[in-house]
Amino acid sequence: MKKYISFLFLTAFLCVCMGNFACADVSEKSIQIVATIFPEYDWVQQILGEQAENAELTLLLDSGADLHNYQPTVQDILTVSNCDFFIYVGGESDDWVDAVLQEAVNEDMVVLNLLEILGDSAVEEETVEGMETEDGEEEEGETEYDEHVWLSLKNAQVFCEAIAEALEGIDPDNAELYAANVEEYMSHLAALDEEYQAVVDGASVTTLLFGDRFPFRYLTEDYALTYYAAFSGCSAESEASFETITFLAEKIDELGLNYVMTIESSDGKIAQTIISCTSSQTQEVLTLDSMQSITSQDLKEGADYLSIMEDNLDVLAQALQ
């Protein structure tokens, strides 16, 4: 990966030196901000408020490819290297970032690493009973954290506060605006968090079963929900074994679950296979949106973090009946 990044940096450097400015967009806006994933992008928009027109905000992962499959382009590296404010998750999928930041053109760049912000609150990837395991083992001493930190409304409040503080430092003339905007936005996040807790408190079941990857560990930790899944959140596997299918089907029968969960990018085949192996075969498939497949078209159509989490709450309420 480091050799790959070095090659892209060399390409980017040559583009600039040769005057090929088509490789990078030159913006006259006052603040250049780059976010790797959609939730970061939307949080920044909400906190900027009316100052958004004076900032150039770039979402790197806007093609529908999720965090785990992303590889930066020359254009991406140039954009990050020259920005004033860069926000990224900081997990294993972002192992390209260190090399880019070491060579960044803007030495005054403010950088936020979401996993570093969480500190001891970050949780490790885990393999629960029945889950398909991937080939290969982690290197000794290596800790792989669950990267899906944005799927916790509690985490989102922590991140938004950090984003606002960063913006206030970069643009002190508008510090009061950012402080007011983040206070209002965090009140909406806190209110939605309370709605989630109320749904869980009134639930008849407290277990979710995913016939899919499971990127919702932070959400289930927030509300003390248990789960079973075919794969971990960061898994690259796409085929479940007979043993995994059988285990999950038997869990549905044992717990009396009425729903099998998937995430937004799933074709639903594994979920349907699990259902076909249950005793009743009457379960339904429900989908939670992990926000890993947001595209530029979704942004144009007004996608926003709060609305997606509100929709997820509706799905969760049904799943926990």
C-alpha atoms as a PDB file:
ATOM      1  CA  MET A   1       0.000   0.000   0.000  1.00  0.00           C
ATOM      2  CA  LYS A   2       2.811   2.438   0.840  1.00  0.00           C
ATOM      3  CA  LYS A   3       4.414   1.866  -2.572  1.00  0.00           C
ATOM      4  CA  TYR A   4       1.027   2.444  -4.193  1.00  0.00           C
ATOM      5  CA  ILE A   5       0.562   5.747  -2.347  1.00  0.00           C
ATOM      6  CA  SER A   6       4.114   6.850  -3.175  1.00  0.00           C
ATOM      7  CA  PHE A   7       3.462   6.210  -6.853  1.00  0.00           C
ATOM      8  CA  LEU A   8       0.255   8.246  -6.729  1.00  0.00           C
ATOM      9  CA  PHE A   9       2.062  11.072  -4.940  1.00  0.00           C
ATOM     10  CA  LEU A  10       4.732  11.117  -7.615  1.00  0.00           C
ATOM     11  CA  THR A  11       2.054  11.245 -10.284  1.00  0.00           C
ATOM     12  CA  ALA A  12       0.241  14.046  -8.478  1.00  0.00           C
ATOM     13  CA  PHE A  13       3.485  16.007  -8.029  1.00  0.00           C
ATOM     14  CA  LEU A  14       4.320  15.710 -11.714  1.00  0.00           C
ATOM     15  CA  CYS A  15       0.837  16.844 -12.675  1.00  0.00           C
ATOM     16  CA  VAL A  16       1.273  20.052 -10.698  1.00  0.00           C
ATOM     17  CA  CYS A  17       4.867  20.668 -11.775  1.00  0.00           C
ATOM     18  CA  MET A  18       3.957  20.284 -15.441  1.00  0.00           C
ATOM     19  CA  GLY A  19       1.101  22.721 -15.065  1.00  0.00           C
ATOM     20  CA  ASN A  20      -1.541  20.085 -15.637  1.00  0.00           C
ATOM     21  CA  PHE A  21      -3.982  21.667 -13.249  1.00  0.00           C
ATOM     22  CA  ALA A  22      -6.774  19.556 -14.674  1.00  0.00           C
ATOM     23  CA  CYS A  23      -5.573  16.994 -12.151  1.00  0.00           C
ATOM     24  CA  ALA A  24      -6.895  19.158  -9.326  1.00  0.00           C
ATOM     25  CA  ASP A  25      -9.704  21.632  -8.935  1.00  0.00           C
ATOM     26  CA  VAL A  26      -8.575  25.056  -7.762  1.00  0.00           C
ATOM     27  CA  SER A  27     -11.179  26.605  -5.487  1.00  0.00           C
ATOM     28  CA  GLU A  28     -11.482  30.198  -4.370  1.00  0.00           C
ATOM     29  CA  LYS A  29     -13.554  29.242  -1.334  1.00  0.00           C
ATOM     30  CA  SER A  30     -12.032  30.074   2.018  1.00  0.00           C
ATOM     31  CA  ILE A  31     -11.985  26.654   3.711  1.00  0.00           C
ATOM     32  CA  GLN A  32     -11.104  23.380   1.993  1.00  0.00           C
ATOM     33  CA  ILE A  33     -12.621  20.424   3.869  1.00  0.00           C
ATOM     34  CA  VAL A  34     -12.358  16.739   2.987  1.00  0.00           C
ATOM     35  CA  ALA A  35     -14.424  13.980   4.602  1.00  0.00           C
ATOM     36  CA  THR A  36     -13.878  10.331   3.762  1.00  0.00           C
ATOM     37  CA  ILE A  37     -17.415   9.064   4.483  1.00  0.00           C
ATOM     38  CA  PHE A  38     -20.945  10.414   4.233  1.00  0.00           C
ATOM     39  CA  PRO A  39     -21.771  10.890   7.957  1.00  0.00           C
ATOM     40  CA  GLU A  40     -18.668  13.073   8.425  1.00  0.00           C
ATOM     41  CA  TYR A  41     -19.646  15.067   5.328  1.00  0.00           C
ATOM     42  CA  ASP A  42     -23.186  15.642   6.562  1.00  0.00           C
ATOM     43  CA  TRP A  43     -22.117  16.573  10.093  1.00  0.00           C
ATOM     44  CA  VAL A  44     -19.782  19.215   8.668  1.00  0.00           C
ATOM     45  CA  GLN A  45     -22.583  20.593   6.477  1.00  0.00           C
ATOM     46  CA  GLN A  46     -24.920  20.879   9.441  1.00  0.00           C
ATOM     47  CA  ILE A  47     -22.328  22.678  11.570  1.00  0.00           C
ATOM     48  CA  LEU A  48     -21.227  25.017   8.774  1.00  0.00           C
ATOM     49  CA  GLY A  49     -24.817  26.113   8.235  1.00  0.00           C
ATOM     50  CA  GLU A  50     -24.934  29.338   6.216  1.00  0.00           C
ATOM     51  CA  GLN A  51     -21.141  29.326   5.990  1.00  0.00           C
ATOM     52  CA  ALA A  52     -21.284  26.238   3.745  1.00  0.00           C
ATOM     53  CA  GLU A  53     -21.239  28.538   0.710  1.00  0.00           C
ATOM     54  CA  ASN A  54     -17.792  29.760   1.764  1.00  0.00           C
ATOM     55  CA  ALA A  55     -16.332  26.263   2.140  1.00  0.00           C
ATOM     56  CA  GLU A  56     -15.337  23.627  -0.395  1.00  0.00           C
ATOM     57  CA  LEU A  57     -16.543  20.363   1.149  1.00  0.00           C
ATOM     58  CA  THR A  58     -15.476  17.139  -0.575  1.00  0.00           C
ATOM     59  CA  LEU A  59     -16.773  13.623   0.077  1.00  0.00           C
ATOM     60  CA  LEU A  60     -14.179  11.087  -1.066  1.00  0.00           C
ATOM     61  CA  LEU A  61     -16.376   7.984  -0.983  1.00  0.00           C
ATOM     62  CA  ASP A  62     -19.270   9.157  -3.141  1.00  0.00           C
ATOM     63  CA  SER A  63     -19.397   6.375  -5.747  1.00  0.00           C
ATOM     64  CA  GLY A  64     -21.234   3.754  -3.693  1.00  0.00           C
ATOM     65  CA  ALA A  65     -18.058   1.818  -2.828  1.00  0.00           C
ATOM     66  CA  ASP A  66     -17.818   1.264   0.896  1.00  0.00           C
ATOM     67  CA  LEU A  67     -14.962   2.162   3.213  1.00  0.00           C
ATOM     68  CA  HIS A  68     -13.427  -1.308   3.059  1.00  0.00           C
ATOM     69  CA  ASN A  69     -12.999  -1.306  -0.742  1.00  0.00           C
ATOM     70  CA  TYR A  70     -11.809   2.256  -1.271  1.00  0.00           C
ATOM     71  CA  GLN A  71      -8.466   3.104  -2.876  1.00  0.00           C
ATOM     72  CA  PRO A  72      -7.500   6.803  -3.303  1.00  0.00           C
ATOM     73  CA  THR A  73      -6.978   8.238  -6.772  1.00  0.00           C
ATOM     74  CA  VAL A  74      -4.415  10.858  -7.764  1.00  0.00           C
ATOM     75  CA  GLN A  75      -7.193  13.457  -7.573  1.00  0.00           C
ATOM     76  CA  ASP A  76      -8.143  12.285  -4.075  1.00  0.00           C
ATOM     77  CA  ILE A  77      -4.551  12.567  -2.860  1.00  0.00           C
ATOM     78  CA  LEU A  78      -4.193  16.074  -4.266  1.00  0.00           C
ATOM     79  CA  THR A  79      -7.467  17.113  -2.656  1.00  0.00           C
ATOM     80  CA  VAL A  80      -6.475  15.767   0.761  1.00  0.00           C
ATOM     81  CA  SER A  81      -2.929  17.083   0.532  1.00  0.00           C
ATOM     82  CA  ASN A  82      -4.084  20.665  -0.031  1.00  0.00           C
ATOM     83  CA  CYS A  83      -7.091  20.843   2.284  1.00  0.00           C
ATOM     84  CA  ASP A  84      -7.422  22.821   5.515  1.00  0.00           C
ATOM     85  CA  PHE A  85      -9.459  20.221   7.401  1.00  0.00           C
ATOM     86  CA  PHE A  86      -9.437  16.460   6.899  1.00  0.00           C
ATOM     87  CA  ILE A  87     -11.733  13.975   8.673  1.00  0.00           C
ATOM     88  CA  TYR A  88     -11.379  10.207   8.466  1.00  0.00           C
ATOM     89  CA  VAL A  89     -12.357   7.097  10.434  1.00  0.00           C
ATOM     90  CA  GLY A  90      -8.860   5.873  11.238  1.00  0.00           C
ATOM     91  CA  GLY A  91      -9.298   2.101  11.079  1.00  0.00           C
ATOM     92  CA  GLU A  92      -7.588  -0.551   9.025  1.00  0.00           C
ATOM     93  CA  SER A  93      -9.408   0.554   5.864  1.00  0.00           C
ATOM     94  CA  ASP A  94      -7.714   3.956   6.168  1.00  0.00           C
ATOM     95  CA  ASP A  95      -4.171   2.606   6.164  1.00  0.00           C
ATOM     96  CA  TRP A  96      -3.448   4.805   3.120  1.00  0.00           C
ATOM     97  CA  VAL A  97      -3.949   8.004   5.118  1.00  0.00           C
ATOM     98  CA  ASP A  98      -0.671   8.122   7.055  1.00  0.00           C
ATOM     99  CA  ALA A  99       1.418   8.168   3.875  1.00  0.00           C
ATOM    100  CA  VAL A 100      -0.727  10.940   2.396  1.00  0.00           C
ATOM    101  CA  LEU A 101      -0.552  13.109   5.514  1.00  0.00           C
ATOM    102  CA  GLN A 102       3.234  12.728   5.746  1.00  0.00           C
ATOM    103  CA  GLU A 103       3.540  14.316   2.305  1.00  0.00           C
ATOM    104  CA  ALA A 104       0.695  16.838   2.653  1.00  0.00           C
ATOM    105  CA  VAL A 105       1.279  20.240   1.057  1.00  0.00           C
ATOM    106  CA  ASN A 106      -0.665  22.106   3.751  1.00  0.00           C
ATOM    107  CA  GLU A 107       1.397  21.819   6.927  1.00  0.00           C
ATOM    108  CA  ASP A 108      -1.317  23.619   8.924  1.00  0.00           C
ATOM    109  CA  MET A 109      -4.000  21.077   8.052  1.00  0.00           C
ATOM    110  CA  VAL A 110      -6.335  20.156  10.919  1.00  0.00           C
ATOM    111  CA  VAL A 111      -6.917  16.398  11.047  1.00  0.00           C
ATOM    112  CA  LEU A 112      -9.607  14.474  12.928  1.00  0.00           C
ATOM    113  CA  ASN A 113      -9.338  10.713  13.353  1.00  0.00           C
ATOM    114  CA  LEU A 114     -12.697   9.419  14.623  1.00  0.00           C
ATOM    115  CA  LEU A 115     -11.306   6.318  16.319  1.00  0.00           C
ATOM    116  CA  GLU A 116      -8.705   8.452  18.118  1.00  0.00           C
ATOM    117  CA  ILE A 117     -11.468  10.773  19.293  1.00  0.00           C
ATOM    118  CA  LEU A 118     -13.341   7.784  20.744  1.00  0.00           C
ATOM    119  CA  GLY A 119     -10.239   6.543  22.524  1.00  0.00           C
ATOM    120  CA  ASP A 120     -11.120   3.828  25.020  1.00  0.00           C
ATOM    121  CA  SER A 121     -14.750   3.894  23.849  1.00  0.00           C
ATOM    122  CA  ALA A 122     -13.775   2.307  20.520  1.00  0.00           C
ATOM    123  CA  VAL A 123     -14.636  -1.395  20.336  1.00  0.00           C
ATOM    124  CA  GLU A 124     -12.763  -4.181  18.612  1.00  0.00           C
ATOM    125  CA  GLU A 125     -14.085  -6.311  15.780  1.00  0.00           C
ATOM    126  CA  GLU A 126     -15.562  -9.478  17.241  1.00  0.00           C
ATOM    127  CA  THR A 127     -16.609 -12.902  16.086  1.00  0.00           C
ATOM    128  CA  VAL A 128     -19.778 -14.103  17.787  1.00  0.00           C
ATOM    129  CA  GLU A 129     -21.102 -17.652  17.946  1.00  0.00           C
ATOM    130  CA  GLY A 130     -22.097 -18.995  14.537  1.00  0.00           C
ATOM    131  CA  MET A 131     -20.417 -16.232  12.561  1.00  0.00           C
ATOM    132  CA  GLU A 132     -18.445 -17.139   9.444  1.00  0.00           C
ATOM    133  CA  THR A 133     -14.740 -16.548   9.994  1.00  0.00           C
ATOM    134  CA  GLU A 134     -12.329 -15.365   7.326  1.00  0.00           C
ATOM    135  CA  ASP A 135      -9.194 -17.185   6.262  1.00  0.00           C
ATOM    136  CA  GLY A 136      -5.961 -15.867   7.720  1.00  0.00           C
ATOM    137  CA  GLU A 137      -5.090 -14.573  11.149  1.00  0.00           C
ATOM    138  CA  GLU A 138      -4.264 -11.155  12.454  1.00  0.00           C
ATOM    139  CA  GLU A 139      -0.637 -10.407  13.169  1.00  0.00           C
ATOM    140  CA  GLU A 140       0.354 -10.901  16.779  1.00  0.00           C
ATOM    141  CA  GLY A 141      -0.398  -7.819  18.871  1.00  0.00           C
ATOM    142  CA  GLU A 142      -2.567  -6.272  16.157  1.00  0.00           C
ATOM    143  CA  THR A 143      -5.901  -4.803  17.243  1.00  0.00           C
ATOM    144  CA  GLU A 144      -8.574  -4.354  14.608  1.00  0.00           C
ATOM    145  CA  TYR A 145     -11.207  -1.885  15.732  1.00  0.00           C
ATOM    146  CA  ASP A 146     -14.749  -1.857  14.458  1.00  0.00           C
ATOM    147  CA  GLU A 147     -14.741   1.042  12.024  1.00  0.00           C
ATOM    148  CA  HIS A 148     -18.494   1.680  11.875  1.00  0.00           C
ATOM    149  CA  VAL A 149     -18.339   4.328  14.581  1.00  0.00           C
ATOM    150  CA  TRP A 150     -20.898   6.604  12.924  1.00  0.00           C
ATOM    151  CA  LEU A 151     -23.775   4.183  13.581  1.00  0.00           C
ATOM    152  CA  SER A 152     -23.983   5.316  17.193  1.00  0.00           C
ATOM    153  CA  LEU A 153     -25.923   8.483  17.933  1.00  0.00           C
ATOM    154  CA  LYS A 154     -23.894   8.861  21.111  1.00  0.00           C
ATOM    155  CA  ASN A 155     -20.667   8.743  19.103  1.00  0.00           C
ATOM    156  CA  ALA A 156     -22.116  11.194  16.594  1.00  0.00           C
ATOM    157  CA  GLN A 157     -22.538  13.792  19.335  1.00  0.00           C
ATOM    158  CA  VAL A 158     -18.893  13.391  20.369  1.00  0.00           C
ATOM    159  CA  PHE A 159     -17.727  13.709  16.768  1.00  0.00           C
ATOM    160  CA  CYS A 160     -19.865  16.757  16.040  1.00  0.00           C
ATOM    161  CA  GLU A 161     -18.487  18.552  19.076  1.00  0.00           C
ATOM    162  CA  ALA A 162     -14.932  17.834  17.851  1.00  0.00           C
ATOM    163  CA  ILE A 163     -15.789  19.013  14.326  1.00  0.00           C
ATOM    164  CA  ALA A 164     -17.255  22.262  15.654  1.00  0.00           C
ATOM    165  CA  GLU A 165     -14.168  22.927  17.785  1.00  0.00           C
ATOM    166  CA  ALA A 166     -11.957  22.348  14.752  1.00  0.00           C
ATOM    167  CA  LEU A 167     -14.001  24.717  12.592  1.00  0.00           C
ATOM    168  CA  GLU A 168     -13.948  27.370  15.316  1.00  0.00           C
ATOM    169  CA  GLY A 169     -10.154  27.183  15.336  1.00  0.00           C
ATOM    170  CA  ILE A 170      -9.854  27.320  11.557  1.00  0.00           C
ATOM    171  CA  ASP A 171     -12.402  30.102  11.141  1.00  0.00           C
ATOM    172  CA  PRO A 172     -12.621  32.049  14.436  1.00  0.00           C
ATOM    173  CA  ASP A 173     -14.647  34.857  12.828  1.00  0.00           C
ATOM    174  CA  ASN A 174     -17.595  32.456  12.607  1.00  0.00           C
ATOM    175  CA  ALA A 175     -16.955  30.563  15.826  1.00  0.00           C
ATOM    176  CA  GLU A 176     -20.228  31.688  17.428  1.00  0.00           C
ATOM    177  CA  LEU A 177     -22.198  30.444  14.418  1.00  0.00           C
ATOM    178  CA  TYR A 178     -20.547  27.024  14.547  1.00  0.00           C
ATOM    179  CA  ALA A 179     -21.113  26.769  18.297  1.00  0.00           C
ATOM    180  CA  ALA A 180     -24.808  27.587  17.898  1.00  0.00           C
ATOM    181  CA  ASN A 181     -25.248  25.219  14.971  1.00  0.00           C
ATOM    182  CA  VAL A 182     -23.619  22.273  16.710  1.00  0.00           C
ATOM    183  CA  GLU A 183     -25.623  22.862  19.879  1.00  0.00           C
ATOM    184  CA  GLU A 184     -28.870  22.731  17.921  1.00  0.00           C
ATOM    185  CA  TYR A 185     -27.828  19.716  15.867  1.00  0.00           C
ATOM    186  CA  MET A 186     -26.632  17.785  18.911  1.00  0.00           C
ATOM    187  CA  SER A 187     -30.009  18.375  20.536  1.00  0.00           C
ATOM    188  CA  HIS A 188     -31.615  16.532  17.586  1.00  0.00           C
ATOM    189  CA  LEU A 189     -29.094  13.692  17.906  1.00  0.00           C
ATOM    190  CA  ALA A 190     -29.757  13.419  21.644  1.00  0.00           C
ATOM    191  CA  ALA A 191     -33.536  13.420  21.120  1.00  0.00           C
ATOM    192  CA  LEU A 192     -33.281  10.649  18.527  1.00  0.00           C
ATOM    193  CA  ASP A 193     -31.024   8.684  20.877  1.00  0.00           C
ATOM    194  CA  GLU A 194     -33.785   8.874  23.488  1.00  0.00           C
ATOM    195  CA  GLU A 195     -36.308   7.611  20.923  1.00  0.00           C
ATOM    196  CA  TYR A 196     -34.092   4.618  20.194  1.00  0.00           C
ATOM    197  CA  GLN A 197     -33.839   3.858  23.915  1.00  0.00           C
ATOM    198  CA  ALA A 198     -37.622   4.103  24.302  1.00  0.00           C
ATOM    199  CA  VAL A 199     -38.170   1.630  21.460  1.00  0.00           C
ATOM    200  CA  VAL A 200     -35.717  -0.835  22.999  1.00  0.00           C
ATOM    201  CA  ASP A 201     -37.230  -0.392  26.470  1.00  0.00           C
ATOM    202  CA  GLY A 202     -40.628  -1.334  25.064  1.00  0.00           C
ATOM    203  CA  ALA A 203     -39.397  -4.187  22.859  1.00  0.00           C
ATOM    204  CA  SER A 204     -40.633  -7.747  23.167  1.00  0.00           C
ATOM    205  CA  VAL A 205     -37.332  -9.127  21.842  1.00  0.00           C
ATOM    206  CA  THR A 206     -33.824  -7.764  22.225  1.00  0.00           C
ATOM    207  CA  THR A 207     -31.919  -9.828  19.657  1.00  0.00           C
ATOM    208  CA  LEU A 208     -31.211  -9.000  16.025  1.00  0.00           C
ATOM    209  CA  LEU A 209     -30.188 -11.673  13.542  1.00  0.00           C
ATOM    210  CA  PHE A 210     -28.377 -10.618  10.363  1.00  0.00           C
ATOM    211  CA  GLY A 211     -28.137 -12.807   7.304  1.00  0.00           C
ATOM    212  CA  ASP A 212     -25.407 -10.465   6.201  1.00  0.00           C
ATOM    213  CA  ARG A 213     -22.418  -8.461   7.409  1.00  0.00           C
ATOM    214  CA  PHE A 214     -22.922  -6.794  10.769  1.00  0.00           C
ATOM    215  CA  PRO A 215     -21.717  -3.166  10.940  1.00  0.00           C
ATOM    216  CA  PHE A 216     -24.086  -2.178  13.772  1.00  0.00           C
ATOM    217  CA  ARG A 217     -22.086  -3.189  16.820  1.00  0.00           C
ATOM    218  CA  TYR A 218     -21.868   0.379  18.177  1.00  0.00           C
ATOM    219  CA  LEU A 219     -25.630   0.744  17.868  1.00  0.00           C
ATOM    220  CA  THR A 220     -26.357  -2.541  19.638  1.00  0.00           C
ATOM    221  CA  GLU A 221     -23.825  -1.687  22.368  1.00  0.00           C
ATOM    222  CA  ASP A 222     -25.609   1.629  22.973  1.00  0.00           C
ATOM    223  CA  TYR A 223     -28.918  -0.081  23.735  1.00  0.00           C
ATOM    224  CA  ALA A 224     -27.733  -3.425  25.178  1.00  0.00           C
ATOM    225  CA  LEU A 225     -29.083  -5.452  22.256  1.00  0.00           C
ATOM    226  CA  THR A 226     -27.655  -8.854  21.394  1.00  0.00           C
ATOM    227  CA  TYR A 227     -27.047 -10.093  17.865  1.00  0.00           C
ATOM    228  CA  TYR A 228     -26.099 -12.964  15.612  1.00  0.00           C
ATOM    229  CA  ALA A 229     -24.794 -12.523  12.092  1.00  0.00           C
ATOM    230  CA  ALA A 230     -23.373 -14.389   9.142  1.00  0.00           C
ATOM    231  CA  PHE A 231     -20.264 -12.165   8.933  1.00  0.00           C
ATOM    232  CA  SER A 232     -18.499  -9.454  10.909  1.00  0.00           C
ATOM    233  CA  GLY A 233     -18.905  -5.837   9.847  1.00  0.00           C
ATOM    234  CA  CYS A 234     -15.581  -5.633   8.021  1.00  0.00           C
ATOM    235  CA  SER A 235     -15.726  -9.092   6.469  1.00  0.00           C
ATOM    236  CA  ALA A 236     -15.037  -9.479   2.770  1.00  0.00           C
ATOM    237  CA  GLU A 237     -16.794 -12.860   2.671  1.00  0.00           C
ATOM    238  CA  SER A 238     -19.926 -13.177   0.556  1.00  0.00           C
ATOM    239  CA  GLU A 239     -20.772 -16.879   0.850  1.00  0.00           C
ATOM    240  CA  ALA A 240     -22.015 -18.448   4.077  1.00  0.00           C
ATOM    241  CA  SER A 241     -21.290 -22.067   4.920  1.00  0.00           C
ATOM    242  CA  PHE A 242     -23.928 -24.710   5.581  1.00  0.00           C
ATOM    243  CA  GLU A 243     -22.961 -24.617   9.265  1.00  0.00           C
ATOM    244  CA  THR A 244     -23.494 -20.849   9.488  1.00  0.00           C
ATOM    245  CA  ILE A 245     -26.856 -21.000   7.704  1.00  0.00           C
ATOM    246  CA  THR A 246     -28.012 -23.880   9.905  1.00  0.00           C
ATOM    247  CA  PHE A 247     -26.884 -22.197  13.122  1.00  0.00           C
ATOM    248  CA  LEU A 248     -28.685 -18.937  12.300  1.00  0.00           C
ATOM    249  CA  ALA A 249     -31.880 -20.741  11.245  1.00  0.00           C
ATOM    250  CA  GLU A 250     -31.872 -22.711  14.491  1.00  0.00           C
ATOM    251  CA  LYS A 251     -31.369 -19.473  16.460  1.00  0.00           C
ATOM    252  CA  ILE A 252     -34.431 -17.992  14.784  1.00  0.00           C
ATOM    253  CA  ASP A 253     -36.481 -21.016  15.841  1.00  0.00           C
ATOM    254  CA  GLU A 254     -35.042 -21.009  19.362  1.00  0.00           C
ATOM    255  CA  LEU A 255     -35.669 -17.286  19.955  1.00  0.00           C
ATOM    256  CA  GLY A 256     -38.913 -17.042  18.012  1.00  0.00           C
ATOM    257  CA  LEU A 257     -37.633 -14.236  15.790  1.00  0.00           C
ATOM    258  CA  ASN A 258     -39.902 -12.922  13.056  1.00  0.00           C
ATOM    259  CA  TYR A 259     -37.307 -11.047  11.011  1.00  0.00           C
ATOM    260  CA  VAL A 260     -33.936 -11.552   9.385  1.00  0.00           C
ATOM    261  CA  MET A 261     -31.893  -8.384   8.928  1.00  0.00           C
ATOM    262  CA  THR A 262     -29.742  -7.240   6.012  1.00  0.00           C
ATOM    263  CA  ILE A 263     -27.852  -4.054   5.171  1.00  0.00           C
ATOM    264  CA  GLU A 264     -28.587  -1.758   2.247  1.00  0.00           C
ATOM    265  CA  SER A 265     -26.191  -3.287  -0.280  1.00  0.00           C
ATOM    266  CA  SER A 266     -27.326  -6.883   0.230  1.00  0.00           C
ATOM    267  CA  ASP A 267     -28.965  -9.003  -2.467  1.00  0.00           C
ATOM    268  CA  GLY A 268     -30.846 -10.800   0.307  1.00  0.00           C
ATOM    269  CA  LYS A 269     -29.924 -14.306  -0.850  1.00  0.00           C
ATOM    270  CA  ILE A 270     -28.312 -15.422   2.407  1.00  0.00           C
ATOM    271  CA  ALA A 271     -31.210 -14.036   4.426  1.00  0.00           C
ATOM    272  CA  GLN A 272     -33.708 -15.918   2.264  1.00  0.00           C
ATOM    273  CA  THR A 273     -31.697 -19.116   2.544  1.00  0.00           C
ATOM    274  CA  ILE A 274     -31.708 -18.823   6.335  1.00  0.00           C
ATOM    275  CA  ILE A 275     -35.473 -18.342   6.317  1.00  0.00           C
ATOM    276  CA  SER A 276     -35.930 -21.404   4.106  1.00  0.00           C
ATOM    277  CA  CYS A 277     -34.138 -23.464   6.769  1.00  0.00           C
ATOM    278  CA  THR A 278     -36.353 -22.393   9.684  1.00  0.00           C
ATOM    279  CA  SER A 279     -39.238 -24.530  10.872  1.00  0.00           C
ATOM    280  CA  SER A 280     -41.951 -22.040   9.839  1.00  0.00           C
ATOM    281  CA  GLN A 281     -40.240 -20.329   6.883  1.00  0.00           C
ATOM    282  CA  THR A 282     -42.491 -17.298   7.520  1.00  0.00           C
ATOM    283  CA  GLN A 283     -39.914 -14.718   8.615  1.00  0.00           C
ATOM    284  CA  GLU A 284     -39.567 -11.446   6.715  1.00  0.00           C
ATOM    285  CA  VAL A 285     -36.435  -9.600   5.638  1.00  0.00           C
ATOM    286  CA  LEU A 286     -35.797  -6.084   6.975  1.00  0.00           C
ATOM    287  CA  THR A 287     -32.995  -3.738   5.925  1.00  0.00           C
ATOM    288  CA  LEU A 288     -30.998  -1.318   8.061  1.00  0.00           C
ATOM    289  CA  ASP A 289     -28.991   1.375   6.275  1.00  0.00           C
ATOM    290  CA  SER A 290     -25.342   1.449   7.359  1.00  0.00           C
ATOM    291  CA  MET A 291     -24.645   4.500   5.139  1.00  0.00           C
ATOM    292  CA  GLN A 292     -21.739   2.756   3.434  1.00  0.00           C
ATOM    293  CA  SER A 293     -23.150   3.043  -0.089  1.00  0.00           C
ATOM    294  CA  ILE A 294     -24.075   6.737  -0.341  1.00  0.00           C
ATOM    295  CA  THR A 295     -23.452   8.196  -3.806  1.00  0.00           C
ATOM    296  CA  SER A 296     -23.122  11.703  -5.191  1.00  0.00           C
ATOM    297  CA  GLN A 297     -26.636  11.270  -6.586  1.00  0.00           C
ATOM    298  CA  ASP A 298     -27.929  10.544  -3.076  1.00  0.00           C
ATOM    299  CA  LEU A 299     -26.341  13.805  -1.934  1.00  0.00           C
ATOM    300  CA  LYS A 300     -28.103  15.710  -4.717  1.00  0.00           C
ATOM    301  CA  GLU A 301     -31.369  14.136  -3.621  1.00  0.00           C
ATOM    302  CA  GLY A 302     -30.871  15.427  -0.080  1.00  0.00           C
ATOM    303  CA  ALA A 303     -29.619  12.400   1.861  1.00  0.00           C
ATOM    304  CA  ASP A 304     -28.826  13.319   5.459  1.00  0.00           C
ATOM    305  CA  TYR A 305     -27.604  11.431   8.513  1.00  0.00           C
ATOM    306  CA  LEU A 306     -30.519  12.196  10.839  1.00  0.00           C
ATOM    307  CA  SER A 307     -33.179  11.120   8.342  1.00  0.00           C
ATOM    308  CA  ILE A 308     -31.415   7.832   7.671  1.00  0.00           C
ATOM    309  CA  MET A 309     -31.086   7.129  11.391  1.00  0.00           C
ATOM    310  CA  GLU A 310     -34.778   7.973  11.822  1.00  0.00           C
ATOM    311  CA  ASP A 311     -35.638   5.469   9.083  1.00  0.00           C
ATOM    312  CA  ASN A 312     -33.409   2.913  10.793  1.00  0.00           C
ATOM    313  CA  LEU A 313     -35.337   3.470  14.019  1.00  0.00           C
ATOM    314  CA  ASP A 314     -38.603   2.594  12.240  1.00  0.00           C
ATOM    315  CA  VAL A 315     -37.034  -0.625  10.955  1.00  0.00           C
ATOM    316  CA  LEU A 316     -35.574  -1.446  14.370  1.00  0.00           C
ATOM    317  CA  ALA A 317     -38.954  -0.928  16.038  1.00  0.00           C
ATOM    318  CA  GLN A 318     -40.473  -3.481  13.676  1.00  0.00           C
ATOM    319  CA  ALA A 319     -37.604  -5.939  14.113  1.00  0.00           C
ATOM    320  CA  LEU A 320     -37.935  -5.898  17.905  1.00  0.00           C
ATOM    321  CA  GLN A 321     -41.659  -6.641  17.969  1.00  0.00           C
END
